[in-house]
Amino acid sequence: MICLDADIVIVGSGAGGGTVARALAPLARDGLRVLLLEQGPRLDDHEFTGREIEMADALYEDGGGFLTADGTMTLAFGRAYGGSTVVYTGTSLVAPERVIRTWDVPGLTHDDIARRSRVVMDENGVHLLEDSELNDNNRLFVTGCARLGLHAEQFPLNLRGCVGSSLCNLGCPNLAKQGTHRVQLPAAEQQGVEVVTRAEVVRVAERAVVVRVREKRPGEKGRPSEWRPGEYRIDAGTVVLCGGSIGTSALLLRSGLRDRLPTLGRGFTCHPAHILVAEHDRVITNDVGHPKSYFLDRAADEGYVLETCMYFPFVTAKNLTGFGEPHARLMRAFPRLQMILVLAVDHASDGNHITVDRHGRPVVHYKFARGTIASLVRATRTSARIFFAAGARRVHAPSARPPLIEREDASRVDELVSERHFLPGTISVSAAHLMGGCAMGRSARDSVTDGWGRVHGIPWLRIADSSLFPDALEINPYVTVMALADRVAEGIRAEVGTLVAAGHG
């Protein structure tokens, strides 16, 4: 094993890790060794081809097919330089005040989160798309909502030079999406932060991490690691974990910290979601233009959010129920399909949690609560009404019987879409907003960290990612993660004098 020293080690390069690296970069410029370790590869620009299967395998954990323990839900999260910010659609919203208030974390205020969020959004070029950049898929959603008296809101997006390829979830091949791989990480490296890719942190030891650097396999995308393959132990004054809800929770569990932190891995939430499609009489622009430009927020009143979306043929096909000719017929109608993503706002419970298997790999245990199912059904009913109001011929709704609702049956949506038809394992449910597992709180009895991301009882260990959330956020979590990460980094900067005095500089 190769032994090295660093002043600060950051684990993960996504929304949390990229932000921490950027915020601590002045320390690297001034002489401290700031090291960031990323499990995934660093891809060159030309390697973002937009090919569906190819990019999914290169950018996602398990190629995008990571399943919950019972196999009823797919969890999508990135494994690359830039983490999940490489593969999300760029939607950028500030956390609702009511959510931060409900979290009730000592010292954490919505004003602080909002202020930091706005700084991040400015840095990432967040703005609203011009009307000319919207496609029919989004316009039909707005039209349907308006005809029903519903207010569709436009997503602010972190894009520069978007050309409307609609390939956001596969890693933008046009370099338009401003993830951490485009903004925060390059800025951090320019000031001296050292990034090592293909470097998996196996466990956390006392003021140290144990790392396995793997070689690039034949045919794999991405550059070789910056370090030669092998096992490393890196002693550090401060360790900041930014591996995401699943990655950070699993790492701490592998490190034997459950006895010291009894809530570790608990309270996992994820906004369970599934795709609804509707067939129109005419061809619409759906896979041209930004795929996710509008949303309908019913989180506070009815427990769900609807978002415009567009997924390419493979993902669309696996989300449609049925087999044979009926399934093929709907897929042949792809150029005429309008899509809506329905997301339920689930809530933290001890039953939904993260563990590790005997090999140390993460296992996510998740059961759909009755309230979550009810929210998904309400969301499906509203989506069907929006589709029909926008002029759809038929709607495909997995929790309906039959799953294809024809235009003449539009008045029977409440009857046809029912909770009794929502059968986990028979409906393709996925989630990409993975949250919880290392919640902020008051003490080790009720949480893993305090409101500044300091792990209870381990002052040199911090967390700065979505695992900090005590309960579900009602929106895409990435801006909130970055705001919290900036807050964590501020706390570290305040302690730099102590760090150096302790002999780690």
Protein backbone atom coordinates (compact mmCIF):
# COMPACT_ATOMS: atom_id res chain seq x y z
CA MET A 1 0.00 0.00 0.00
CA ILE A 2 1.25 3.45 -0.93
CA CYS A 3 1.02 6.04 1.86
CA LEU A 4 0.53 9.72 1.13
CA ASP A 5 -0.42 12.89 2.99
CA ALA A 6 -2.90 15.66 2.18
CA ASP A 7 -4.33 18.58 4.08
CA ILE A 8 -7.88 18.12 2.75
CA VAL A 9 -9.36 15.13 0.93
CA ILE A 10 -12.65 15.52 -0.95
CA VAL A 11 -14.47 12.33 -1.97
CA GLY A 12 -16.67 12.77 -5.06
CA SER A 13 -16.82 15.39 -7.81
CA GLY A 14 -20.54 16.05 -8.29
CA ALA A 15 -22.64 18.94 -7.04
CA GLY A 16 -21.20 18.64 -3.54
CA GLY A 17 -17.59 17.73 -4.28
CA GLY A 18 -17.21 20.16 -7.17
CA THR A 19 -18.53 23.02 -5.05
CA VAL A 20 -16.29 22.19 -2.09
CA ALA A 21 -13.27 21.93 -4.39
CA ARG A 22 -14.03 25.30 -5.97
CA ALA A 23 -14.57 26.96 -2.58
CA LEU A 24 -11.35 25.51 -1.10
CA ALA A 25 -9.23 26.15 -4.20
CA PRO A 26 -7.67 29.33 -2.71
CA LEU A 27 -6.22 27.13 0.04
CA ALA A 28 -4.53 25.00 -2.63
CA ARG A 29 -3.24 28.13 -4.33
CA ASP A 30 -1.76 29.20 -0.99
CA GLY A 31 0.09 25.92 -0.50
CA LEU A 32 -2.20 23.40 1.17
CA ARG A 33 -2.59 20.05 -0.54
CA VAL A 34 -6.26 19.71 -1.51
CA LEU A 35 -7.00 16.36 -3.11
CA LEU A 36 -10.26 15.29 -4.79
CA LEU A 37 -10.93 11.59 -5.44
CA GLU A 38 -13.51 10.52 -8.03
CA GLN A 39 -14.54 6.90 -8.55
CA GLY A 40 -15.53 7.40 -12.20
CA PRO A 41 -13.53 8.37 -15.29
CA ARG A 42 -12.74 11.75 -16.81
CA LEU A 43 -14.12 11.84 -20.36
CA ASP A 44 -12.73 14.00 -23.12
CA ASP A 45 -15.19 16.21 -24.97
CA HIS A 46 -15.23 14.09 -28.13
CA GLU A 47 -16.29 11.02 -26.12
CA PHE A 48 -19.76 12.47 -25.43
CA THR A 49 -21.40 10.92 -28.47
CA GLY A 50 -25.06 11.01 -27.41
CA ARG A 51 -25.46 7.29 -28.18
CA GLU A 52 -27.93 5.99 -25.63
CA ILE A 53 -26.56 2.61 -24.51
CA GLU A 54 -22.93 3.66 -24.91
CA MET A 55 -23.22 6.79 -22.77
CA ALA A 56 -25.39 5.18 -20.11
CA ASP A 57 -22.71 2.56 -19.55
CA ALA A 58 -19.97 5.19 -19.41
CA LEU A 59 -21.62 7.73 -17.12
CA TYR A 60 -24.02 5.92 -14.77
CA GLU A 61 -23.55 3.48 -11.92
CA ASP A 62 -24.50 0.04 -13.25
CA GLY A 63 -25.19 1.63 -16.62
CA GLY A 64 -28.22 3.36 -15.11
CA GLY A 65 -29.68 0.05 -13.93
CA PHE A 66 -28.99 0.16 -10.18
CA LEU A 67 -32.02 -1.45 -8.52
CA THR A 68 -33.53 -1.31 -5.05
CA ALA A 69 -33.24 -4.49 -3.00
CA ASP A 70 -36.60 -5.85 -4.15
CA GLY A 71 -36.07 -4.80 -7.76
CA THR A 72 -39.12 -2.52 -7.93
CA MET A 73 -37.32 0.76 -8.66
CA THR A 74 -34.30 1.86 -10.70
CA LEU A 75 -32.01 4.47 -9.12
CA ALA A 76 -30.01 6.60 -11.56
CA PHE A 77 -26.83 8.34 -10.43
CA GLY A 78 -23.65 9.38 -12.19
CA ARG A 79 -20.18 7.89 -11.85
CA ALA A 80 -17.82 10.23 -13.70
CA TYR A 81 -15.79 13.41 -13.37
CA GLY A 82 -18.64 15.80 -12.51
CA GLY A 83 -20.86 13.14 -10.93
CA SER A 84 -24.57 13.38 -11.57
CA THR A 85 -24.26 16.97 -12.79
CA VAL A 86 -23.03 15.45 -16.05
CA VAL A 87 -26.29 13.56 -16.63
CA TYR A 88 -29.09 15.73 -15.24
CA THR A 89 -31.09 18.23 -17.26
CA GLY A 90 -29.86 21.42 -15.60
CA THR A 91 -33.08 22.43 -13.85
CA SER A 92 -32.14 24.98 -11.21
CA LEU A 93 -34.51 25.94 -8.41
CA VAL A 94 -34.06 27.34 -4.91
CA ALA A 95 -35.36 25.10 -2.11
CA PRO A 96 -38.84 26.08 -0.86
CA GLU A 97 -38.82 27.94 2.44
CA ARG A 98 -41.37 25.53 3.93
CA VAL A 99 -39.03 22.58 3.34
CA ILE A 100 -36.02 24.12 5.09
CA ARG A 101 -38.26 25.23 7.95
CA THR A 102 -39.67 21.72 8.33
CA TRP A 103 -36.18 20.22 8.42
CA ASP A 104 -35.66 22.20 11.65
CA VAL A 105 -31.85 21.93 11.63
CA PRO A 106 -30.25 24.19 14.26
CA GLY A 107 -28.43 27.09 12.64
CA LEU A 108 -29.69 26.34 9.13
CA THR A 109 -31.94 29.02 7.66
CA HIS A 110 -33.70 29.37 4.35
CA ASP A 111 -32.20 32.82 3.86
CA ASP A 112 -28.72 31.29 3.99
CA ILE A 113 -29.61 28.52 1.55
CA ALA A 114 -31.32 30.97 -0.83
CA ARG A 115 -28.39 33.39 -0.78
CA ARG A 116 -25.84 30.68 -1.55
CA SER A 117 -28.13 29.16 -4.18
CA ARG A 118 -28.34 32.44 -6.07
CA VAL A 119 -24.55 32.74 -6.12
CA VAL A 120 -24.26 29.23 -7.56
CA MET A 121 -26.96 29.91 -10.15
CA ASP A 122 -25.19 33.08 -11.30
CA GLU A 123 -21.90 31.21 -11.59
CA ASN A 124 -23.55 28.47 -13.66
CA GLY A 125 -25.32 30.84 -16.05
CA VAL A 126 -28.85 29.87 -15.00
CA HIS A 127 -31.56 31.51 -17.09
CA LEU A 128 -34.93 30.95 -18.77
CA LEU A 129 -34.99 29.72 -22.35
CA GLU A 130 -36.39 32.00 -25.02
CA ASP A 131 -39.73 30.96 -26.50
CA SER A 132 -38.03 30.13 -29.80
CA GLU A 133 -35.96 27.46 -28.03
CA LEU A 134 -39.00 25.55 -26.74
CA ASN A 135 -40.32 22.47 -28.52
CA ASP A 136 -43.86 21.18 -29.06
CA ASN A 137 -43.53 18.76 -26.14
CA ASN A 138 -43.17 21.71 -23.78
CA ARG A 139 -45.68 23.96 -25.53
CA LEU A 140 -48.36 21.25 -25.39
CA PHE A 141 -47.78 20.87 -21.64
CA VAL A 142 -48.27 24.61 -21.13
CA THR A 143 -51.36 24.58 -23.35
CA GLY A 144 -52.92 21.63 -21.53
CA CYS A 145 -52.27 23.18 -18.12
CA ALA A 146 -53.73 26.53 -19.18
CA ARG A 147 -56.92 24.92 -20.51
CA LEU A 148 -57.36 23.22 -17.13
CA GLY A 149 -56.69 26.39 -15.14
CA LEU A 150 -53.30 25.09 -13.92
CA HIS A 151 -50.18 27.24 -13.78
CA ALA A 152 -47.14 25.72 -15.51
CA GLU A 153 -43.87 27.34 -14.45
CA GLN A 154 -40.73 27.55 -16.56
CA PHE A 155 -37.56 25.91 -15.32
CA PRO A 156 -34.46 28.10 -15.02
CA LEU A 157 -31.64 26.10 -16.67
CA ASN A 158 -27.85 26.18 -16.33
CA LEU A 159 -27.01 26.25 -20.04
CA ARG A 160 -24.65 28.19 -22.25
CA GLY A 161 -25.02 27.73 -26.00
CA CYS A 162 -27.71 25.00 -25.95
CA VAL A 163 -28.45 23.77 -29.48
CA GLY A 164 -31.43 21.63 -28.51
CA SER A 165 -30.01 18.15 -28.99
CA SER A 166 -32.14 16.93 -26.04
CA LEU A 167 -29.27 14.68 -24.90
CA CYS A 168 -28.94 16.12 -21.37
CA ASN A 169 -29.31 12.78 -19.59
CA LEU A 170 -26.54 11.25 -21.72
CA GLY A 171 -23.98 13.97 -21.08
CA CYS A 172 -24.35 17.03 -23.31
CA PRO A 173 -22.25 16.47 -26.46
CA ASN A 174 -22.36 20.21 -27.20
CA LEU A 175 -20.66 21.34 -23.97
CA ALA A 176 -23.67 23.51 -23.12
CA LYS A 177 -24.72 22.16 -19.73
CA GLN A 178 -22.82 23.84 -16.90
CA GLY A 179 -22.21 20.95 -14.53
CA THR A 180 -19.28 20.86 -12.12
CA HIS A 181 -17.18 19.24 -14.88
CA ARG A 182 -17.52 22.47 -16.88
CA VAL A 183 -17.44 25.13 -14.15
CA GLN A 184 -16.31 24.34 -10.62
CA LEU A 185 -13.81 21.52 -11.18
CA PRO A 186 -11.73 23.20 -13.92
CA ALA A 187 -11.64 26.39 -11.83
CA ALA A 188 -10.48 24.41 -8.80
CA GLU A 189 -7.78 22.57 -10.75
CA GLN A 190 -6.46 25.82 -12.17
CA GLN A 191 -5.72 26.94 -8.61
CA GLY A 192 -4.00 23.74 -7.61
CA VAL A 193 -6.66 21.27 -6.44
CA GLU A 194 -5.45 17.81 -7.46
CA VAL A 195 -8.11 15.55 -8.98
CA VAL A 196 -7.65 11.79 -9.23
CA THR A 197 -10.19 9.80 -11.24
CA ARG A 198 -10.93 6.06 -11.21
CA ALA A 199 -10.14 6.31 -7.49
CA GLU A 200 -12.65 4.51 -5.26
CA VAL A 201 -12.51 5.30 -1.56
CA VAL A 202 -12.93 1.92 0.11
CA ARG A 203 -13.16 3.11 3.70
CA VAL A 204 -12.53 5.97 6.06
CA ALA A 205 -9.91 5.40 8.76
CA GLU A 206 -8.77 7.70 11.58
CA ARG A 207 -7.94 10.97 9.80
CA ALA A 208 -7.35 9.01 6.61
CA VAL A 209 -8.98 7.33 3.65
CA VAL A 210 -8.10 4.05 1.98
CA VAL A 211 -8.33 4.26 -1.81
CA ARG A 212 -8.28 1.76 -4.67
CA VAL A 213 -7.19 3.20 -8.00
CA ARG A 214 -8.12 1.00 -10.93
CA GLU A 215 -6.69 0.90 -14.41
CA LYS A 216 -8.63 1.77 -17.52
CA ARG A 217 -10.06 -1.37 -19.09
CA PRO A 218 -9.83 -2.00 -22.86
CA GLY A 219 -12.62 -0.25 -24.72
CA GLU A 220 -13.64 1.96 -21.79
CA LYS A 221 -14.34 5.63 -22.30
CA GLY A 222 -12.32 8.21 -20.45
CA ARG A 223 -8.71 8.88 -19.62
CA PRO A 224 -6.54 6.60 -17.48
CA SER A 225 -6.28 7.59 -13.84
CA GLU A 226 -3.86 10.34 -12.90
CA TRP A 227 -2.27 7.86 -10.47
CA ARG A 228 -0.97 4.40 -11.22
CA PRO A 229 -3.34 1.57 -10.21
CA GLY A 230 -3.04 0.20 -6.70
CA GLU A 231 -3.99 0.65 -3.05
CA TYR A 232 -3.36 3.93 -1.27
CA ARG A 233 -3.73 5.26 2.25
CA ILE A 234 -4.00 9.03 2.40
CA ASP A 235 -3.64 10.69 5.79
CA ALA A 236 -5.50 13.99 5.94
CA GLY A 237 -6.31 16.80 8.32
CA THR A 238 -9.87 17.05 6.99
CA VAL A 239 -11.96 14.61 4.97
CA VAL A 240 -15.10 15.79 3.12
CA LEU A 241 -17.47 13.11 1.82
CA CYS A 242 -19.43 14.10 -1.29
CA GLY A 243 -20.31 10.73 -2.81
CA GLY A 244 -24.06 11.30 -2.82
CA SER A 245 -26.81 9.78 -0.73
CA ILE A 246 -25.93 6.19 -1.58
CA GLY A 247 -22.18 6.55 -1.98
CA THR A 248 -21.49 8.45 1.24
CA SER A 249 -23.84 6.32 3.35
CA ALA A 250 -22.29 3.10 2.04
CA LEU A 251 -18.76 4.39 2.62
CA LEU A 252 -19.45 5.23 6.26
CA LEU A 253 -21.18 1.88 6.78
CA ARG A 254 -18.18 0.05 5.27
CA SER A 255 -16.01 2.04 7.65
CA GLY A 256 -17.78 0.58 10.71
CA LEU A 257 -19.37 3.81 11.95
CA ARG A 258 -22.93 2.54 12.46
CA ASP A 259 -22.40 1.97 16.20
CA ARG A 260 -21.27 5.58 16.68
CA LEU A 261 -23.98 6.94 14.36
CA PRO A 262 -27.17 4.90 14.88
CA THR A 263 -29.17 6.82 12.24
CA LEU A 264 -26.57 6.22 9.53
CA GLY A 265 -28.23 5.05 6.31
CA ARG A 266 -31.73 5.88 7.55
CA GLY A 267 -34.29 8.22 6.04
CA PHE A 268 -33.59 7.57 2.36
CA THR A 269 -35.93 9.41 -0.04
CA CYS A 270 -35.83 9.74 -3.82
CA HIS A 271 -38.91 11.25 -5.50
CA PRO A 272 -40.14 8.02 -7.17
CA ALA A 273 -41.06 8.80 -10.74
CA HIS A 274 -42.35 7.28 -13.93
CA ILE A 275 -42.97 8.42 -17.48
CA LEU A 276 -46.37 8.97 -19.05
CA VAL A 277 -46.77 9.30 -22.81
CA ALA A 278 -49.61 10.49 -25.02
CA GLU A 279 -50.03 10.01 -28.73
CA HIS A 280 -51.07 12.97 -30.87
CA ASP A 281 -52.56 12.96 -34.34
CA ARG A 282 -49.62 14.86 -35.77
CA VAL A 283 -45.85 14.71 -35.54
CA ILE A 284 -44.51 16.96 -32.78
CA THR A 285 -41.02 18.22 -31.95
CA ASN A 286 -40.15 16.16 -28.91
CA ASP A 287 -36.55 14.93 -29.23
CA VAL A 288 -35.39 18.31 -30.57
CA GLY A 289 -34.99 21.19 -28.12
CA HIS A 290 -34.37 21.17 -24.40
CA PRO A 291 -36.38 18.27 -22.94
CA LYS A 292 -37.34 19.75 -19.57
CA SER A 293 -38.44 23.37 -19.68
CA TYR A 294 -41.70 23.47 -17.66
CA PHE A 295 -43.15 21.99 -14.49
CA LEU A 296 -46.33 21.97 -12.44
CA ASP A 297 -45.75 22.22 -8.69
CA ARG A 298 -48.41 20.43 -6.65
CA ALA A 299 -45.99 19.30 -3.95
CA ALA A 300 -47.45 21.23 -1.04
CA ASP A 301 -51.10 20.50 -1.83
CA GLU A 302 -51.08 17.04 -3.41
CA GLY A 303 -47.59 15.58 -2.94
CA TYR A 304 -46.36 15.55 -6.53
CA VAL A 305 -44.57 17.52 -9.23
CA LEU A 306 -45.06 17.13 -12.99
CA GLU A 307 -42.22 17.90 -15.38
CA THR A 308 -41.95 17.95 -19.12
CA CYS A 309 -39.47 15.36 -20.31
CA MET A 310 -38.23 13.48 -23.34
CA TYR A 311 -36.46 10.15 -23.21
CA PHE A 312 -34.99 8.36 -26.15
CA PRO A 313 -36.29 5.05 -27.52
CA PHE A 314 -34.62 2.57 -25.15
CA VAL A 315 -35.71 4.32 -21.95
CA THR A 316 -39.15 5.05 -23.39
CA ALA A 317 -39.65 1.41 -24.41
CA LYS A 318 -38.78 0.03 -20.98
CA ASN A 319 -41.21 2.46 -19.35
CA LEU A 320 -44.20 1.36 -21.43
CA THR A 321 -46.27 -1.54 -20.15
CA GLY A 322 -47.33 -4.41 -22.36
CA PHE A 323 -45.62 -6.63 -24.91
CA GLY A 324 -45.79 -7.54 -28.56
CA GLU A 325 -47.79 -5.61 -31.12
CA PRO A 326 -49.54 -3.13 -28.76
CA HIS A 327 -46.14 -2.10 -27.35
CA ALA A 328 -44.58 -1.94 -30.83
CA ARG A 329 -47.47 0.13 -32.15
CA LEU A 330 -46.95 2.76 -29.48
CA MET A 331 -43.20 2.83 -30.09
CA ARG A 332 -43.78 3.32 -33.83
CA ALA A 333 -45.72 6.44 -32.84
CA PHE A 334 -42.60 7.89 -31.16
CA PRO A 335 -42.49 11.04 -33.37
CA ARG A 336 -46.03 11.86 -32.18
CA LEU A 337 -45.48 11.21 -28.46
CA GLN A 338 -45.78 13.85 -25.79
CA MET A 339 -44.20 12.97 -22.42
CA ILE A 340 -44.64 13.98 -18.79
CA LEU A 341 -42.55 12.81 -15.86
CA VAL A 342 -44.53 12.39 -12.64
CA LEU A 343 -42.62 12.62 -9.34
CA ALA A 344 -43.98 11.86 -5.91
CA VAL A 345 -42.67 13.75 -2.90
CA ASP A 346 -41.97 10.83 -0.58
CA HIS A 347 -40.91 11.33 3.03
CA ALA A 348 -38.16 9.96 5.22
CA SER A 349 -38.82 6.82 7.20
CA ASP A 350 -36.60 4.30 8.97
CA GLY A 351 -37.98 1.57 6.72
CA ASN A 352 -36.43 3.14 3.63
CA HIS A 353 -32.72 2.92 4.24
CA ILE A 354 -29.27 2.07 2.88
CA THR A 355 -27.12 -0.88 3.96
CA VAL A 356 -24.10 -2.66 2.49
CA ASP A 357 -23.76 -6.31 1.50
CA ARG A 358 -20.93 -8.62 2.55
CA HIS A 359 -18.77 -7.19 -0.23
CA GLY A 360 -19.37 -3.61 0.95
CA ARG A 361 -21.61 -2.72 -1.98
CA PRO A 362 -24.60 -0.45 -1.29
CA VAL A 363 -28.07 -1.94 -0.98
CA VAL A 364 -31.12 0.35 -0.96
CA HIS A 365 -34.23 -0.90 0.82
CA TYR A 366 -37.34 0.92 -0.31
CA LYS A 367 -41.05 0.24 0.08
CA PHE A 368 -43.69 2.46 -1.49
CA ALA A 369 -45.71 4.07 1.28
CA ARG A 370 -49.44 4.34 0.72
CA GLY A 371 -49.15 8.10 0.63
CA THR A 372 -46.46 7.93 -2.05
CA ILE A 373 -48.62 5.66 -4.22
CA ALA A 374 -51.58 7.98 -3.73
CA SER A 375 -49.45 10.93 -4.88
CA LEU A 376 -48.30 9.07 -8.01
CA VAL A 377 -51.90 8.18 -8.86
CA ARG A 378 -53.07 11.79 -8.39
CA ALA A 379 -50.16 12.91 -10.57
CA THR A 380 -51.10 10.40 -13.26
CA ARG A 381 -54.72 11.57 -13.32
CA THR A 382 -53.68 15.20 -13.66
CA SER A 383 -51.18 14.33 -16.39
CA ALA A 384 -53.84 12.45 -18.37
CA ARG A 385 -56.12 15.48 -18.19
CA ILE A 386 -53.29 17.74 -19.38
CA PHE A 387 -52.57 15.42 -22.30
CA PHE A 388 -56.19 15.33 -23.40
CA ALA A 389 -56.61 19.07 -22.91
CA ALA A 390 -53.61 19.52 -25.21
CA GLY A 391 -55.33 17.43 -27.90
CA ALA A 392 -53.90 13.94 -27.41
CA ARG A 393 -55.57 10.98 -29.12
CA ARG A 394 -54.72 8.48 -26.41
CA VAL A 395 -52.76 8.36 -23.15
CA HIS A 396 -50.55 5.56 -21.85
CA ALA A 397 -50.80 5.39 -18.04
CA PRO A 398 -49.21 2.36 -16.31
CA SER A 399 -51.50 2.64 -13.28
CA ALA A 400 -54.64 2.56 -15.45
CA ARG A 401 -56.68 -0.45 -16.55
CA PRO A 402 -56.45 -0.67 -19.46
CA PRO A 403 -53.14 1.24 -19.63
CA LEU A 404 -54.18 2.93 -22.89
CA ILE A 405 -56.92 5.50 -22.31
CA GLU A 406 -58.60 6.63 -25.51
CA ARG A 407 -59.83 10.16 -26.14
CA GLU A 408 -63.48 9.12 -25.80
CA ASP A 409 -62.74 7.86 -22.26
CA ALA A 410 -61.10 11.08 -21.09
CA SER A 411 -63.98 11.77 -18.70
CA ARG A 412 -63.32 8.43 -16.95
CA VAL A 413 -59.71 9.14 -15.90
CA ASP A 414 -60.46 8.97 -12.16
CA GLU A 415 -62.18 5.63 -12.62
CA LEU A 416 -59.51 4.09 -14.87
CA VAL A 417 -56.44 5.30 -12.95
CA SER A 418 -56.49 3.81 -9.47
CA GLU A 419 -54.22 2.97 -6.55
CA ARG A 420 -55.24 -0.67 -6.83
CA HIS A 421 -53.62 -0.73 -10.28
CA PHE A 422 -50.29 0.59 -8.98
CA LEU A 423 -48.43 -2.67 -8.42
CA PRO A 424 -44.72 -2.27 -7.61
CA GLY A 425 -42.69 -4.51 -9.86
CA THR A 426 -45.16 -4.27 -12.72
CA ILE A 427 -44.67 -0.53 -13.34
CA SER A 428 -41.31 0.89 -14.40
CA VAL A 429 -40.49 3.33 -11.60
CA SER A 430 -37.19 5.17 -11.42
CA ALA A 431 -35.62 7.88 -9.30
CA ALA A 432 -32.71 10.27 -9.78
CA HIS A 433 -33.16 12.63 -6.81
CA LEU A 434 -31.45 10.46 -4.21
CA MET A 435 -31.50 12.04 -0.76
CA GLY A 436 -30.91 11.23 2.90
CA GLY A 437 -28.91 8.64 4.79
CA CYS A 438 -26.62 11.04 6.69
CA ALA A 439 -29.12 13.62 7.88
CA MET A 440 -28.26 16.90 9.56
CA GLY A 441 -29.67 17.39 13.05
CA ARG A 442 -28.95 18.01 16.69
CA SER A 443 -26.93 15.04 17.96
CA ALA A 444 -25.78 11.53 17.10
CA ARG A 445 -29.07 10.22 18.54
CA ASP A 446 -31.16 11.80 15.78
CA SER A 447 -28.72 12.53 12.94
CA VAL A 448 -25.26 12.02 11.45
CA THR A 449 -24.04 15.64 11.19
CA ASP A 450 -24.74 19.08 12.53
CA GLY A 451 -25.99 21.97 10.42
CA TRP A 452 -22.48 22.59 9.02
CA GLY A 453 -21.97 19.03 7.82
CA ARG A 454 -19.65 18.06 10.72
CA VAL A 455 -20.07 14.40 11.63
CA HIS A 456 -21.05 14.09 15.30
CA GLY A 457 -18.07 13.12 17.43
CA ILE A 458 -15.61 13.14 14.49
CA PRO A 459 -14.56 16.79 14.07
CA TRP A 460 -12.21 16.17 11.11
CA LEU A 461 -14.93 14.44 9.02
CA ARG A 462 -17.51 16.40 7.03
CA ILE A 463 -20.31 15.60 4.60
CA ALA A 464 -21.42 17.86 1.73
CA ASP A 465 -23.97 16.15 -0.50
CA SER A 466 -27.64 15.17 -0.72
CA SER A 467 -27.27 12.57 2.03
CA LEU A 468 -27.48 15.53 4.46
CA PHE A 469 -31.18 16.11 3.74
CA PRO A 470 -33.32 15.20 6.77
CA ASP A 471 -36.32 14.73 4.45
CA ALA A 472 -37.17 14.97 0.78
CA LEU A 473 -36.74 18.20 -1.10
CA GLU A 474 -39.67 19.00 -3.37
CA ILE A 475 -37.46 19.90 -6.34
CA ASN A 476 -34.29 18.84 -8.15
CA PRO A 477 -31.75 18.84 -5.30
CA TYR A 478 -28.59 19.94 -7.09
CA VAL A 479 -28.70 23.70 -6.32
CA THR A 480 -29.50 22.97 -2.67
CA VAL A 481 -26.62 20.48 -2.51
CA MET A 482 -24.28 23.14 -3.87
CA ALA A 483 -25.55 25.69 -1.36
CA LEU A 484 -24.97 23.28 1.53
CA ALA A 485 -21.55 22.34 0.14
CA ASP A 486 -20.56 26.00 0.00
CA ARG A 487 -21.64 26.26 3.64
CA VAL A 488 -19.55 23.23 4.60
CA ALA A 489 -16.54 24.68 2.79
CA GLU A 490 -16.96 27.96 4.66
CA GLY A 491 -16.71 26.06 7.93
CA ILE A 492 -13.54 24.35 6.77
CA ARG A 493 -11.95 27.63 5.73
CA ALA A 494 -12.71 29.03 9.17
CA GLU A 495 -10.75 26.18 10.73
CA VAL A 496 -7.71 26.32 8.47
CA GLY A 497 -5.60 27.96 11.17
CA THR A 498 -6.31 25.08 13.52
CA LEU A 499 -5.63 22.60 10.73
CA VAL A 500 -2.16 24.00 10.05
CA ALA A 501 -1.37 24.34 13.76
CA ALA A 502 -2.17 20.65 14.21
CA GLY A 503 0.64 19.79 11.80
CA HIS A 504 -1.26 18.99 8.64
CA GLY A 505 -0.01 21.89 6.53
